PDB file of N, CA and C in Angstrom:
ATOM      1  N   MET A   1      99.051 -59.666 -28.931  1.00  0.00           N
ATOM      2  CA  MET A   1      98.393 -58.776 -28.005  1.00  0.00           C
ATOM      3  C   MET A   1      97.116 -58.247 -28.670  1.00  0.00           C
ATOM      4  N   SER A   2      96.095 -57.997 -27.885  1.00  0.00           N
ATOM      5  CA  SER A   2      94.814 -57.544 -28.419  1.00  0.00           C
ATOM      6  C   SER A   2      94.860 -56.058 -28.785  1.00  0.00           C
ATOM      7  N   LEU A   3      93.955 -55.665 -29.650  1.00  0.00           N
ATOM      8  CA  LEU A   3      93.852 -54.254 -30.019  1.00  0.00           C
ATOM      9  C   LEU A   3      93.616 -53.385 -28.787  1.00  0.00           C
ATOM     10  N   GLU A   4      92.779 -53.860 -27.897  1.00  0.00           N
ATOM     11  CA  GLU A   4      92.455 -53.098 -26.698  1.00  0.00           C
ATOM     12  C   GLU A   4      93.690 -52.856 -25.836  1.00  0.00           C
ATOM     13  N   LYS A   5      94.571 -53.839 -25.768  1.00  0.00           N
ATOM     14  CA  LYS A   5      95.803 -53.690 -24.983  1.00  0.00           C
ATOM     15  C   LYS A   5      96.718 -52.632 -25.606  1.00  0.00           C
ATOM     16  N   PHE A   6      96.815 -52.627 -26.934  1.00  0.00           N
ATOM     17  CA  PHE A   6      97.622 -51.608 -27.594  1.00  0.00           C
ATOM     18  C   PHE A   6      97.034 -50.220 -27.372  1.00  0.00           C
ATOM     19  N   VAL A   7      95.700 -50.115 -27.424  1.00  0.00           N
ATOM     20  CA  VAL A   7      95.037 -48.831 -27.172  1.00  0.00           C
ATOM     21  C   VAL A   7      95.317 -48.388 -25.740  1.00  0.00           C
ATOM     22  N   GLU A   8      95.238 -49.312 -24.806  1.00  0.00           N
ATOM     23  CA  GLU A   8      95.512 -49.002 -23.401  1.00  0.00           C
ATOM     24  C   GLU A   8      96.958 -48.541 -23.225  1.00  0.00           C
ATOM     25  N   GLN A   9      97.897 -49.213 -23.879  1.00  0.00           N
ATOM     26  CA  GLN A   9      99.304 -48.806 -23.799  1.00  0.00           C
ATOM     27  C   GLN A   9      99.504 -47.407 -24.368  1.00  0.00           C
ATOM     28  N   PHE A  10      98.859 -47.135 -25.488  1.00  0.00           N
ATOM     29  CA  PHE A  10      98.942 -45.819 -26.100  1.00  0.00           C
ATOM     30  C   PHE A  10      98.464 -44.751 -25.113  1.00  0.00           C
ATOM     31  N   ALA A  11      97.273 -44.949 -24.570  1.00  0.00           N
ATOM     32  CA  ALA A  11      96.683 -43.973 -23.649  1.00  0.00           C
ATOM     33  C   ALA A  11      97.546 -43.776 -22.398  1.00  0.00           C
ATOM     34  N   GLN A  12      97.990 -44.859 -21.804  1.00  0.00           N
ATOM     35  CA  GLN A  12      98.803 -44.757 -20.588  1.00  0.00           C
ATOM     36  C   GLN A  12     100.102 -44.011 -20.845  1.00  0.00           C
ATOM     37  N   ASN A  13     100.715 -44.267 -21.967  1.00  0.00           N
ATOM     38  CA  ASN A  13     101.998 -43.630 -22.250  1.00  0.00           C
ATOM     39  C   ASN A  13     101.856 -42.176 -22.676  1.00  0.00           C
ATOM     40  N   ILE A  14     100.775 -41.827 -23.351  1.00  0.00           N
ATOM     41  CA  ILE A  14     100.535 -40.412 -23.653  1.00  0.00           C
ATOM     42  C   ILE A  14     100.300 -39.652 -22.352  1.00  0.00           C
ATOM     43  N   ALA A  15      99.496 -40.196 -21.470  1.00  0.00           N
ATOM     44  CA  ALA A  15      99.243 -39.548 -20.183  1.00  0.00           C
ATOM     45  C   ALA A  15     100.537 -39.412 -19.382  1.00  0.00           C
ATOM     46  N   ALA A  16     101.327 -40.463 -19.349  1.00  0.00           N
ATOM     47  CA  ALA A  16     102.588 -40.430 -18.610  1.00  0.00           C
ATOM     48  C   ALA A  16     103.561 -39.434 -19.236  1.00  0.00           C
ATOM     49  N   GLN A  17     103.579 -39.367 -20.557  1.00  0.00           N
ATOM     50  CA  GLN A  17     104.448 -38.397 -21.232  1.00  0.00           C
ATOM     51  C   GLN A  17     104.079 -36.974 -20.817  1.00  0.00           C
ATOM     52  N   THR A  18     102.804 -36.659 -20.846  1.00  0.00           N
ATOM     53  CA  THR A  18     102.357 -35.318 -20.449  1.00  0.00           C
ATOM     54  C   THR A  18     102.742 -35.026 -19.012  1.00  0.00           C
ATOM     55  N   ASP A  19     102.532 -35.987 -18.130  1.00  0.00           N
ATOM     56  CA  ASP A  19     102.885 -35.790 -16.722  1.00  0.00           C
ATOM     57  C   ASP A  19     104.380 -35.516 -16.568  1.00  0.00           C
ATOM     58  N   CYS A  20     105.191 -36.219 -17.326  1.00  0.00           N
ATOM     59  CA  CYS A  20     106.645 -36.003 -17.282  1.00  0.00           C
ATOM     60  C   CYS A  20     107.009 -34.607 -17.789  1.00  0.00           C
ATOM     61  N   ILE A  21     106.383 -34.192 -18.869  1.00  0.00           N
ATOM     62  CA  ILE A  21     106.653 -32.860 -19.418  1.00  0.00           C
ATOM     63  C   ILE A  21     106.311 -31.793 -18.386  1.00  0.00           C
ATOM     64  N   LEU A  22     105.183 -31.941 -17.739  1.00  0.00           N
ATOM     65  CA  LEU A  22     104.761 -30.955 -16.742  1.00  0.00           C
ATOM     66  C   LEU A  22     105.688 -30.928 -15.526  1.00  0.00           C
ATOM     67  N   ARG A  23     106.351 -32.049 -15.264  1.00  0.00           N
ATOM     68  CA  ARG A  23     107.335 -32.109 -14.174  1.00  0.00           C
ATOM     69  C   ARG A  23     108.713 -31.645 -14.627  1.00  0.00           C
ATOM     70  N   GLY A  24     108.883 -31.444 -15.923  1.00  0.00           N
ATOM     71  CA  GLY A  24     110.175 -31.043 -16.455  1.00  0.00           C
ATOM     72  C   GLY A  24     111.125 -32.199 -16.710  1.00  0.00           C
ATOM     73  N   ASP A  25     110.598 -33.399 -16.814  1.00  0.00           N
ATOM     74  CA  ASP A  25     111.418 -34.595 -17.033  1.00  0.00           C
ATOM     75  C   ASP A  25     111.307 -35.037 -18.491  1.00  0.00           C
ATOM     76  N   ALA A  26     112.034 -34.367 -19.360  1.00  0.00           N
ATOM     77  CA  ALA A  26     111.953 -34.634 -20.796  1.00  0.00           C
ATOM     78  C   ALA A  26     112.434 -36.039 -21.145  1.00  0.00           C
ATOM     79  N   ARG A  27     113.453 -36.516 -20.475  1.00  0.00           N
ATOM     80  CA  ARG A  27     113.984 -37.846 -20.786  1.00  0.00           C
ATOM     81  C   ARG A  27     112.928 -38.923 -20.575  1.00  0.00           C
ATOM     82  N   ALA A  28     112.290 -38.901 -19.428  1.00  0.00           N
ATOM     83  CA  ALA A  28     111.236 -39.888 -19.167  1.00  0.00           C
ATOM     84  C   ALA A  28     110.056 -39.666 -20.106  1.00  0.00           C
ATOM     85  N   GLY A  29     109.738 -38.409 -20.392  1.00  0.00           N
ATOM     86  CA  GLY A  29     108.659 -38.108 -21.326  1.00  0.00           C
ATOM     87  C   GLY A  29     108.920 -38.695 -22.695  1.00  0.00           C
ATOM     88  N   ASN A  30     110.154 -38.582 -23.158  1.00  0.00           N
ATOM     89  CA  ASN A  30     110.520 -39.146 -24.457  1.00  0.00           C
ATOM     90  C   ASN A  30     110.398 -40.664 -24.466  1.00  0.00           C
ATOM     91  N   GLN A  31     110.727 -41.291 -23.359  1.00  0.00           N
ATOM     92  CA  GLN A  31     110.591 -42.750 -23.280  1.00  0.00           C
ATOM     93  C   GLN A  31     109.130 -43.166 -23.403  1.00  0.00           C
ATOM     94  N   HIS A  32     108.247 -42.403 -22.760  1.00  0.00           N
ATOM     95  CA  HIS A  32     106.813 -42.707 -22.867  1.00  0.00           C
ATOM     96  C   HIS A  32     106.301 -42.422 -24.279  1.00  0.00           C
ATOM     97  N   ALA A  33     106.815 -41.371 -24.906  1.00  0.00           N
ATOM     98  CA  ALA A  33     106.422 -41.057 -26.288  1.00  0.00           C
ATOM     99  C   ALA A  33     106.801 -42.206 -27.218  1.00  0.00           C
ATOM    100  N   GLU A  34     107.983 -42.768 -27.028  1.00  0.00           N
ATOM    101  CA  GLU A  34     108.417 -43.898 -27.858  1.00  0.00           C
ATOM    102  C   GLU A  34     107.508 -45.103 -27.667  1.00  0.00           C
ATOM    103  N   LYS A  35     107.096 -45.355 -26.430  1.00  0.00           N
ATOM    104  CA  LYS A  35     106.203 -46.484 -26.155  1.00  0.00           C
ATOM    105  C   LYS A  35     104.817 -46.245 -26.761  1.00  0.00           C
ATOM    106  N   ALA A  36     104.344 -45.011 -26.690  1.00  0.00           N
ATOM    107  CA  ALA A  36     103.043 -44.688 -27.286  1.00  0.00           C
ATOM    108  C   ALA A  36     103.110 -44.862 -28.802  1.00  0.00           C
ATOM    109  N   LEU A  37     104.191 -44.401 -29.408  1.00  0.00           N
ATOM    110  CA  LEU A  37     104.352 -44.544 -30.847  1.00  0.00           C
ATOM    111  C   LEU A  37     104.432 -46.019 -31.240  1.00  0.00           C
ATOM    112  N   ALA A  38     105.118 -46.812 -30.448  1.00  0.00           N
ATOM    113  CA  ALA A  38     105.201 -48.248 -30.729  1.00  0.00           C
ATOM    114  C   ALA A  38     103.815 -48.890 -30.671  1.00  0.00           C
ATOM    115  N   ALA A  39     103.007 -48.485 -29.699  1.00  0.00           N
ATOM    116  CA  ALA A  39     101.645 -49.019 -29.611  1.00  0.00           C
ATOM    117  C   ALA A  39     100.843 -48.601 -30.838  1.00  0.00           C
ATOM    118  N   PHE A  40     100.994 -47.345 -31.256  1.00  0.00           N
ATOM    119  CA  PHE A  40     100.292 -46.896 -32.458  1.00  0.00           C
ATOM    120  C   PHE A  40     100.735 -47.680 -33.686  1.00  0.00           C
ATOM    121  N   MET A  41     102.031 -47.891 -33.821  1.00  0.00           N
ATOM    122  CA  MET A  41     102.536 -48.632 -34.987  1.00  0.00           C
ATOM    123  C   MET A  41     101.961 -50.051 -35.003  1.00  0.00           C
ATOM    124  N   SER A  42     101.836 -50.663 -33.846  1.00  0.00           N
ATOM    125  CA  SER A  42     101.234 -51.994 -33.774  1.00  0.00           C
ATOM    126  C   SER A  42      99.769 -51.954 -34.194  1.00  0.00           C
ATOM    127  N   LEU A  43      99.066 -50.908 -33.790  1.00  0.00           N
ATOM    128  CA  LEU A  43      97.669 -50.752 -34.214  1.00  0.00           C
ATOM    129  C   LEU A  43      97.585 -50.506 -35.715  1.00  0.00           C
ATOM    130  N   ARG A  44      98.463 -49.659 -36.223  1.00  0.00           N
ATOM    131  CA  ARG A  44      98.458 -49.327 -37.647  1.00  0.00           C
ATOM    132  C   ARG A  44      98.733 -50.560 -38.507  1.00  0.00           C
ATOM    133  N   GLU A  45      99.594 -51.446 -38.005  1.00  0.00           N
ATOM    134  CA  GLU A  45      99.889 -52.685 -38.732  1.00  0.00           C
ATOM    135  C   GLU A  45      98.640 -53.542 -38.922  1.00  0.00           C
ATOM    136  N   ARG A  46      97.654 -53.333 -38.094  1.00  0.00           N
ATOM    137  CA  ARG A  46      96.409 -54.097 -38.174  1.00  0.00           C
ATOM    138  C   ARG A  46      95.365 -53.394 -39.039  1.00  0.00           C
ATOM    139  N   GLY A  47      95.784 -52.348 -39.733  1.00  0.00           N
ATOM    140  CA  GLY A  47      94.918 -51.664 -40.694  1.00  0.00           C
ATOM    141  C   GLY A  47      93.803 -50.875 -40.038  1.00  0.00           C
ATOM    142  N   ASP A  48      92.680 -50.831 -40.753  1.00  0.00           N
ATOM    143  CA  ASP A  48      91.552 -50.036 -40.276  1.00  0.00           C
ATOM    144  C   ASP A  48      91.028 -50.514 -38.925  1.00  0.00           C
ATOM    145  N   ALA A  49      91.110 -51.798 -38.658  1.00  0.00           N
ATOM    146  CA  ALA A  49      90.640 -52.311 -37.358  1.00  0.00           C
ATOM    147  C   ALA A  49      91.451 -51.717 -36.222  1.00  0.00           C
ATOM    148  N   GLY A  50      92.763 -51.583 -36.404  1.00  0.00           N
ATOM    149  CA  GLY A  50      93.604 -50.971 -35.385  1.00  0.00           C
ATOM    150  C   GLY A  50      93.316 -49.496 -35.213  1.00  0.00           C
ATOM    151  N   ARG A  51      93.145 -48.815 -36.341  1.00  0.00           N
ATOM    152  CA  ARG A  51      92.830 -47.381 -36.279  1.00  0.00           C
ATOM    153  C   ARG A  51      91.462 -47.159 -35.627  1.00  0.00           C
ATOM    154  N   ASP A  52      90.495 -47.987 -36.000  1.00  0.00           N
ATOM    155  CA  ASP A  52      89.169 -47.872 -35.395  1.00  0.00           C
ATOM    156  C   ASP A  52      89.225 -48.094 -33.889  1.00  0.00           C
ATOM    157  N   ALA A  53      90.050 -49.018 -33.454  1.00  0.00           N
ATOM    158  CA  ALA A  53      90.191 -49.281 -32.018  1.00  0.00           C
ATOM    159  C   ALA A  53      90.745 -48.055 -31.304  1.00  0.00           C
ATOM    160  N   LEU A  54      91.709 -47.371 -31.913  1.00  0.00           N
ATOM    161  CA  LEU A  54      92.303 -46.177 -31.297  1.00  0.00           C
ATOM    162  C   LEU A  54      91.276 -45.050 -31.174  1.00  0.00           C
ATOM    163  N   ALA A  55      90.304 -45.019 -32.069  1.00  0.00           N
ATOM    164  CA  ALA A  55      89.279 -43.974 -32.037  1.00  0.00           C
ATOM    165  C   ALA A  55      88.446 -44.019 -30.759  1.00  0.00           C
ATOM    166  N   ALA A  56      88.463 -45.130 -30.052  1.00  0.00           N
ATOM    167  CA  ALA A  56      87.759 -45.203 -28.768  1.00  0.00           C
ATOM    168  C   ALA A  56      88.293 -44.152 -27.795  1.00  0.00           C
ATOM    169  N   LEU A  57      89.523 -43.703 -28.013  1.00  0.00           N
ATOM    170  CA  LEU A  57      90.126 -42.710 -27.113  1.00  0.00           C
ATOM    171  C   LEU A  57      89.599 -41.299 -27.351  1.00  0.00           C
ATOM    172  N   PHE A  58      88.769 -41.102 -28.361  1.00  0.00           N
ATOM    173  CA  PHE A  58      88.175 -39.780 -28.589  1.00  0.00           C
ATOM    174  C   PHE A  58      87.314 -39.333 -27.414  1.00  0.00           C
ATOM    175  N   SER A  59      86.910 -40.269 -26.580  1.00  0.00           N
ATOM    176  CA  SER A  59      86.101 -39.929 -25.411  1.00  0.00           C
ATOM    177  C   SER A  59      86.849 -40.192 -24.100  1.00  0.00           C
ATOM    178  N   HIS A  60      88.153 -40.312 -24.161  1.00  0.00           N
ATOM    179  CA  HIS A  60      88.971 -40.559 -22.966  1.00  0.00           C
ATOM    180  C   HIS A  60      88.828 -39.394 -21.987  1.00  0.00           C
ATOM    181  N   ALA A  61      88.990 -39.685 -20.722  1.00  0.00           N
ATOM    182  CA  ALA A  61      88.858 -38.660 -19.688  1.00  0.00           C
ATOM    183  C   ALA A  61      89.925 -37.565 -19.799  1.00  0.00           C
ATOM    184  N   ARG A  62      91.099 -37.910 -20.276  1.00  0.00           N
ATOM    185  CA  ARG A  62      92.182 -36.931 -20.364  1.00  0.00           C
ATOM    186  C   ARG A  62      92.225 -36.290 -21.752  1.00  0.00           C
ATOM    187  N   MET A  63      92.262 -34.973 -21.754  1.00  0.00           N
ATOM    188  CA  MET A  63      92.286 -34.248 -23.016  1.00  0.00           C
ATOM    189  C   MET A  63      93.542 -34.548 -23.816  1.00  0.00           C
ATOM    190  N   ASP A  64      94.694 -34.704 -23.165  1.00  0.00           N
ATOM    191  CA  ASP A  64      95.928 -34.979 -23.901  1.00  0.00           C
ATOM    192  C   ASP A  64      95.837 -36.293 -24.669  1.00  0.00           C
ATOM    193  N   VAL A  65      95.179 -37.271 -24.101  1.00  0.00           N
ATOM    194  CA  VAL A  65      94.999 -38.564 -24.765  1.00  0.00           C
ATOM    195  C   VAL A  65      94.040 -38.413 -25.950  1.00  0.00           C
ATOM    196  N   ARG A  66      92.937 -37.694 -25.734  1.00  0.00           N
ATOM    197  CA  ARG A  66      91.986 -37.465 -26.832  1.00  0.00           C
ATOM    198  C   ARG A  66      92.658 -36.740 -27.994  1.00  0.00           C
ATOM    199  N   VAL A  67      93.400 -35.685 -27.686  1.00  0.00           N
ATOM    200  CA  VAL A  67      94.043 -34.869 -28.713  1.00  0.00           C
ATOM    201  C   VAL A  67      95.076 -35.681 -29.492  1.00  0.00           C
ATOM    202  N   THR A  68      95.877 -36.452 -28.804  1.00  0.00           N
ATOM    203  CA  THR A  68      96.912 -37.230 -29.490  1.00  0.00           C
ATOM    204  C   THR A  68      96.293 -38.303 -30.365  1.00  0.00           C
ATOM    205  N   ALA A  69      95.283 -38.991 -29.861  1.00  0.00           N
ATOM    206  CA  ALA A  69      94.598 -39.997 -30.688  1.00  0.00           C
ATOM    207  C   ALA A  69      93.993 -39.333 -31.921  1.00  0.00           C
ATOM    208  N   ALA A  70      93.376 -38.174 -31.742  1.00  0.00           N
ATOM    209  CA  ALA A  70      92.779 -37.466 -32.875  1.00  0.00           C
ATOM    210  C   ALA A  70      93.842 -37.045 -33.886  1.00  0.00           C
ATOM    211  N   ALA A  71      94.983 -36.588 -33.405  1.00  0.00           N
ATOM    212  CA  ALA A  71      96.062 -36.187 -34.314  1.00  0.00           C
ATOM    213  C   ALA A  71      96.522 -37.371 -35.157  1.00  0.00           C
ATOM    214  N   PHE A  72      96.619 -38.526 -34.551  1.00  0.00           N
ATOM    215  CA  PHE A  72      97.069 -39.716 -35.276  1.00  0.00           C
ATOM    216  C   PHE A  72      96.004 -40.266 -36.222  1.00  0.00           C
ATOM    217  N   LEU A  73      94.750 -39.882 -36.018  1.00  0.00           N
ATOM    218  CA  LEU A  73      93.665 -40.442 -36.820  1.00  0.00           C
ATOM    219  C   LEU A  73      93.022 -39.436 -37.782  1.00  0.00           C
ATOM    220  N   LEU A  74      93.648 -38.306 -38.005  1.00  0.00           N
ATOM    221  CA  LEU A  74      93.057 -37.295 -38.881  1.00  0.00           C
ATOM    222  C   LEU A  74      92.757 -37.815 -40.282  1.00  0.00           C
ATOM    223  N   ARG A  75      93.631 -38.607 -40.853  1.00  0.00           N
ATOM    224  CA  ARG A  75      93.379 -39.131 -42.204  1.00  0.00           C
ATOM    225  C   ARG A  75      92.291 -40.207 -42.212  1.00  0.00           C
ATOM    226  N   HIS A  76      92.243 -40.986 -41.175  1.00  0.00           N
ATOM    227  CA  HIS A  76      91.323 -42.125 -41.143  1.00  0.00           C
ATOM    228  C   HIS A  76      89.919 -41.719 -40.712  1.00  0.00           C
ATOM    229  N   LYS A  77      89.810 -40.842 -39.756  1.00  0.00           N
ATOM    230  CA  LYS A  77      88.513 -40.410 -39.211  1.00  0.00           C
ATOM    231  C   LYS A  77      88.493 -38.880 -39.160  1.00  0.00           C
ATOM    232  N   THR A  78      88.555 -38.278 -40.315  1.00  0.00           N
ATOM    233  CA  THR A  78      88.751 -36.833 -40.419  1.00  0.00           C
ATOM    234  C   THR A  78      87.701 -36.034 -39.650  1.00  0.00           C
ATOM    235  N   ALA A  79      86.438 -36.270 -39.877  1.00  0.00           N
ATOM    236  CA  ALA A  79      85.387 -35.474 -39.239  1.00  0.00           C
ATOM    237  C   ALA A  79      85.418 -35.622 -37.719  1.00  0.00           C
ATOM    238  N   GLU A  80      85.516 -36.865 -37.243  1.00  0.00           N
ATOM    239  CA  GLU A  80      85.506 -37.093 -35.802  1.00  0.00           C
ATOM    240  C   GLU A  80      86.755 -36.535 -35.136  1.00  0.00           C
ATOM    241  N   ALA A  81      87.902 -36.753 -35.762  1.00  0.00           N
ATOM    242  CA  ALA A  81      89.161 -36.268 -35.194  1.00  0.00           C
ATOM    243  C   ALA A  81      89.201 -34.747 -35.178  1.00  0.00           C
ATOM    244  N   THR A  82      88.717 -34.132 -36.248  1.00  0.00           N
ATOM    245  CA  THR A  82      88.686 -32.673 -36.303  1.00  0.00           C
ATOM    246  C   THR A  82      87.791 -32.117 -35.207  1.00  0.00           C
ATOM    247  N   ALA A  83      86.659 -32.748 -34.971  1.00  0.00           N
ATOM    248  CA  ALA A  83      85.749 -32.294 -33.913  1.00  0.00           C
ATOM    249  C   ALA A  83      86.422 -32.371 -32.544  1.00  0.00           C
ATOM    250  N   VAL A  84      87.140 -33.443 -32.288  1.00  0.00           N
ATOM    251  CA  VAL A  84      87.863 -33.583 -31.012  1.00  0.00           C
ATOM    252  C   VAL A  84      88.893 -32.468 -30.872  1.00  0.00           C
ATOM    253  N   LEU A  85      89.647 -32.235 -31.937  1.00  0.00           N
ATOM    254  CA  LEU A  85      90.696 -31.211 -31.899  1.00  0.00           C
ATOM    255  C   LEU A  85      90.112 -29.808 -31.753  1.00  0.00           C
ATOM    256  N   GLU A  86      89.035 -29.526 -32.467  1.00  0.00           N
ATOM    257  CA  GLU A  86      88.414 -28.205 -32.365  1.00  0.00           C
ATOM    258  C   GLU A  86      87.886 -27.949 -30.966  1.00  0.00           C
ATOM    259  N   ASP A  87      87.295 -28.962 -30.347  1.00  0.00           N
ATOM    260  CA  ASP A  87      86.800 -28.815 -28.978  1.00  0.00           C
ATOM    261  C   ASP A  87      87.955 -28.558 -28.020  1.00  0.00           C
ATOM    262  N   ALA A  88      89.011 -29.337 -28.150  1.00  0.00           N
ATOM    263  CA  ALA A  88      90.168 -29.183 -27.261  1.00  0.00           C
ATOM    264  C   ALA A  88      90.868 -27.842 -27.476  1.00  0.00           C
ATOM    265  N   ALA A  89      90.895 -27.370 -28.715  1.00  0.00           N
ATOM    266  CA  ALA A  89      91.593 -26.117 -29.041  1.00  0.00           C
ATOM    267  C   ALA A  89      90.955 -24.914 -28.360  1.00  0.00           C
ATOM    268  N   LYS A  90      89.737 -25.031 -27.917  1.00  0.00           N
ATOM    269  CA  LYS A  90      89.049 -23.942 -27.223  1.00  0.00           C
ATOM    270  C   LYS A  90      89.554 -23.773 -25.789  1.00  0.00           C
ATOM    271  N   GLY A  91      90.224 -24.789 -25.279  1.00  0.00           N
ATOM    272  CA  GLY A  91      90.667 -24.775 -23.895  1.00  0.00           C
ATOM    273  C   GLY A  91      92.014 -24.097 -23.723  1.00  0.00           C
ATOM    274  N   GLN A  92      92.640 -24.415 -22.616  1.00  0.00           N
ATOM    275  CA  GLN A  92      93.962 -23.879 -22.308  1.00  0.00           C
ATOM    276  C   GLN A  92      94.868 -25.019 -21.891  1.00  0.00           C
ATOM    277  N   GLY A  93      96.149 -24.760 -21.913  1.00  0.00           N
ATOM    278  CA  GLY A  93      97.114 -25.752 -21.484  1.00  0.00           C
ATOM    279  C   GLY A  93      97.795 -26.435 -22.649  1.00  0.00           C
ATOM    280  N   LEU A  94      98.609 -27.400 -22.314  1.00  0.00           N
ATOM    281  CA  LEU A  94      99.442 -28.092 -23.285  1.00  0.00           C
ATOM    282  C   LEU A  94      98.617 -28.835 -24.343  1.00  0.00           C
ATOM    283  N   ALA A  95      97.577 -29.528 -23.931  1.00  0.00           N
ATOM    284  CA  ALA A  95      96.758 -30.278 -24.887  1.00  0.00           C
ATOM    285  C   ALA A  95      96.027 -29.327 -25.835  1.00  0.00           C
ATOM    286  N   ALA A  96      95.530 -28.216 -25.329  1.00  0.00           N
ATOM    287  CA  ALA A  96      94.855 -27.235 -26.184  1.00  0.00           C
ATOM    288  C   ALA A  96      95.820 -26.664 -27.210  1.00  0.00           C
ATOM    289  N   LEU A  97      97.025 -26.356 -26.765  1.00  0.00           N
ATOM    290  CA  LEU A  97      98.044 -25.849 -27.685  1.00  0.00           C
ATOM    291  C   LEU A  97      98.365 -26.899 -28.755  1.00  0.00           C
ATOM    292  N   GLY A  98      98.481 -28.144 -28.350  1.00  0.00           N
ATOM    293  CA  GLY A  98      98.725 -29.222 -29.303  1.00  0.00           C
ATOM    294  C   GLY A  98      97.594 -29.352 -30.302  1.00  0.00           C
ATOM    295  N   ALA A  99      96.368 -29.228 -29.841  1.00  0.00           N
ATOM    296  CA  ALA A  99      95.211 -29.308 -30.736  1.00  0.00           C
ATOM    297  C   ALA A  99      95.221 -28.154 -31.731  1.00  0.00           C
ATOM    298  N   GLN A 100      95.514 -26.959 -31.250  1.00  0.00           N
ATOM    299  CA  GLN A 100      95.567 -25.791 -32.132  1.00  0.00           C
ATOM    300  C   GLN A 100      96.631 -25.970 -33.210  1.00  0.00           C
ATOM    301  N   GLN A 101      97.801 -26.425 -32.813  1.00  0.00           N
ATOM    302  CA  GLN A 101      98.893 -26.608 -33.766  1.00  0.00           C
ATOM    303  C   GLN A 101      98.582 -27.733 -34.756  1.00  0.00           C
ATOM    304  N   THR A 102      97.993 -28.802 -34.282  1.00  0.00           N
ATOM    305  CA  THR A 102      97.627 -29.906 -35.169  1.00  0.00           C
ATOM    306  C   THR A 102      96.621 -29.439 -36.214  1.00  0.00           C
ATOM    307  N   LEU A 103      95.611 -28.701 -35.788  1.00  0.00           N
ATOM    308  CA  LEU A 103      94.622 -28.181 -36.736  1.00  0.00           C
ATOM    309  C   LEU A 103      95.273 -27.241 -37.748  1.00  0.00           C
ATOM    310  N   ARG A 104      96.150 -26.389 -37.277  1.00  0.00           N
ATOM    311  CA  ARG A 104      96.846 -25.463 -38.175  1.00  0.00           C
ATOM    312  C   ARG A 104      97.651 -26.247 -39.217  1.00  0.00           C
ATOM    313  N   ASN A 105      98.387 -27.259 -38.772  1.00  0.00           N
ATOM    314  CA  ASN A 105      99.195 -28.067 -39.693  1.00  0.00           C
ATOM    315  C   ASN A 105      98.316 -28.858 -40.658  1.00  0.00           C
ATOM    316  N   TRP A 106      97.188 -29.353 -40.189  1.00  0.00           N
ATOM    317  CA  TRP A 106      96.260 -30.090 -41.049  1.00  0.00           C
ATOM    318  C   TRP A 106      95.724 -29.159 -42.143  1.00  0.00           C
ATOM    319  N   GLN A 107      95.330 -27.961 -41.738  1.00  0.00           N
ATOM    320  CA  GLN A 107      94.743 -27.020 -42.691  1.00  0.00           C
ATOM    321  C   GLN A 107      95.752 -26.498 -43.717  1.00  0.00           C
ATOM    322  N   ASN A 108      97.007 -26.351 -43.317  1.00  0.00           N
ATOM    323  CA  ASN A 108      97.990 -25.827 -44.276  1.00  0.00           C
ATOM    324  C   ASN A 108      98.728 -26.933 -45.041  1.00  0.00           C
ATOM    325  N   GLY A 109      98.360 -28.189 -44.784  1.00  0.00           N
ATOM    326  CA  GLY A 109      98.912 -29.303 -45.541  1.00  0.00           C
ATOM    327  C   GLY A 109     100.251 -29.825 -45.061  1.00  0.00           C
ATOM    328  N   SER A 110     100.727 -29.341 -43.923  1.00  0.00           N
ATOM    329  CA  SER A 110     102.042 -29.804 -43.446  1.00  0.00           C
ATOM    330  C   SER A 110     101.934 -30.936 -42.429  1.00  0.00           C
ATOM    331  N   TRP A 111     100.736 -31.363 -42.090  1.00  0.00           N
ATOM    332  CA  TRP A 111     100.519 -32.467 -41.147  1.00  0.00           C
ATOM    333  C   TRP A 111     101.006 -33.758 -41.789  1.00  0.00           C
ATOM    334  N   ALA A 112     101.707 -34.600 -41.026  1.00  0.00           N
ATOM    335  CA  ALA A 112     102.334 -35.784 -41.655  1.00  0.00           C
ATOM    336  C   ALA A 112     102.346 -37.021 -40.772  1.00  0.00           C
ATOM    337  N   LEU A 113     101.305 -37.277 -40.013  1.00  0.00           N
ATOM    338  CA  LEU A 113     101.250 -38.503 -39.216  1.00  0.00           C
ATOM    339  C   LEU A 113     100.459 -39.571 -39.964  1.00  0.00           C
ATOM    340  N   ASP A 114     100.699 -40.811 -39.620  1.00  0.00           N
ATOM    341  CA  ASP A 114      99.958 -41.960 -40.164  1.00  0.00           C
ATOM    342  C   ASP A 114      99.945 -41.974 -41.689  1.00  0.00           C
ATOM    343  N   LEU A 115     101.114 -41.902 -42.282  1.00  0.00           N
ATOM    344  CA  LEU A 115     101.204 -41.853 -43.731  1.00  0.00           C
ATOM    345  C   LEU A 115     100.992 -43.200 -44.397  1.00  0.00           C
ATOM    346  N   ALA A 116     101.231 -44.266 -43.704  1.00  0.00           N
ATOM    347  CA  ALA A 116     101.124 -45.589 -44.336  1.00  0.00           C
ATOM    348  C   ALA A 116      99.728 -46.147 -44.238  1.00  0.00           C
TER     349      ALA A 116
END
């Protein structure tokens, strides 16, 4: 599968997960989270090229997709990911809260995504 397809799967499943959470459907949300994580793992297996492909989501129309991509890419694209998170953290809602928490965890050293 192409890098673009994995990026598309990641974005679609993050968006679907958020929609499920907002509807109160945690089970379906978790299923979408697993699919998004699987897409990320496939991208990560392709090294920097996969991570670079995911960075295209920094300009996605949905804030939840931008924030999640930035959270997963903090180590690889620190400046760009931090800028996305800082912008989102100024807003309100679930994605803004996620951005705020991600930044807090990054700053205090407890952030632990994309370790490999």
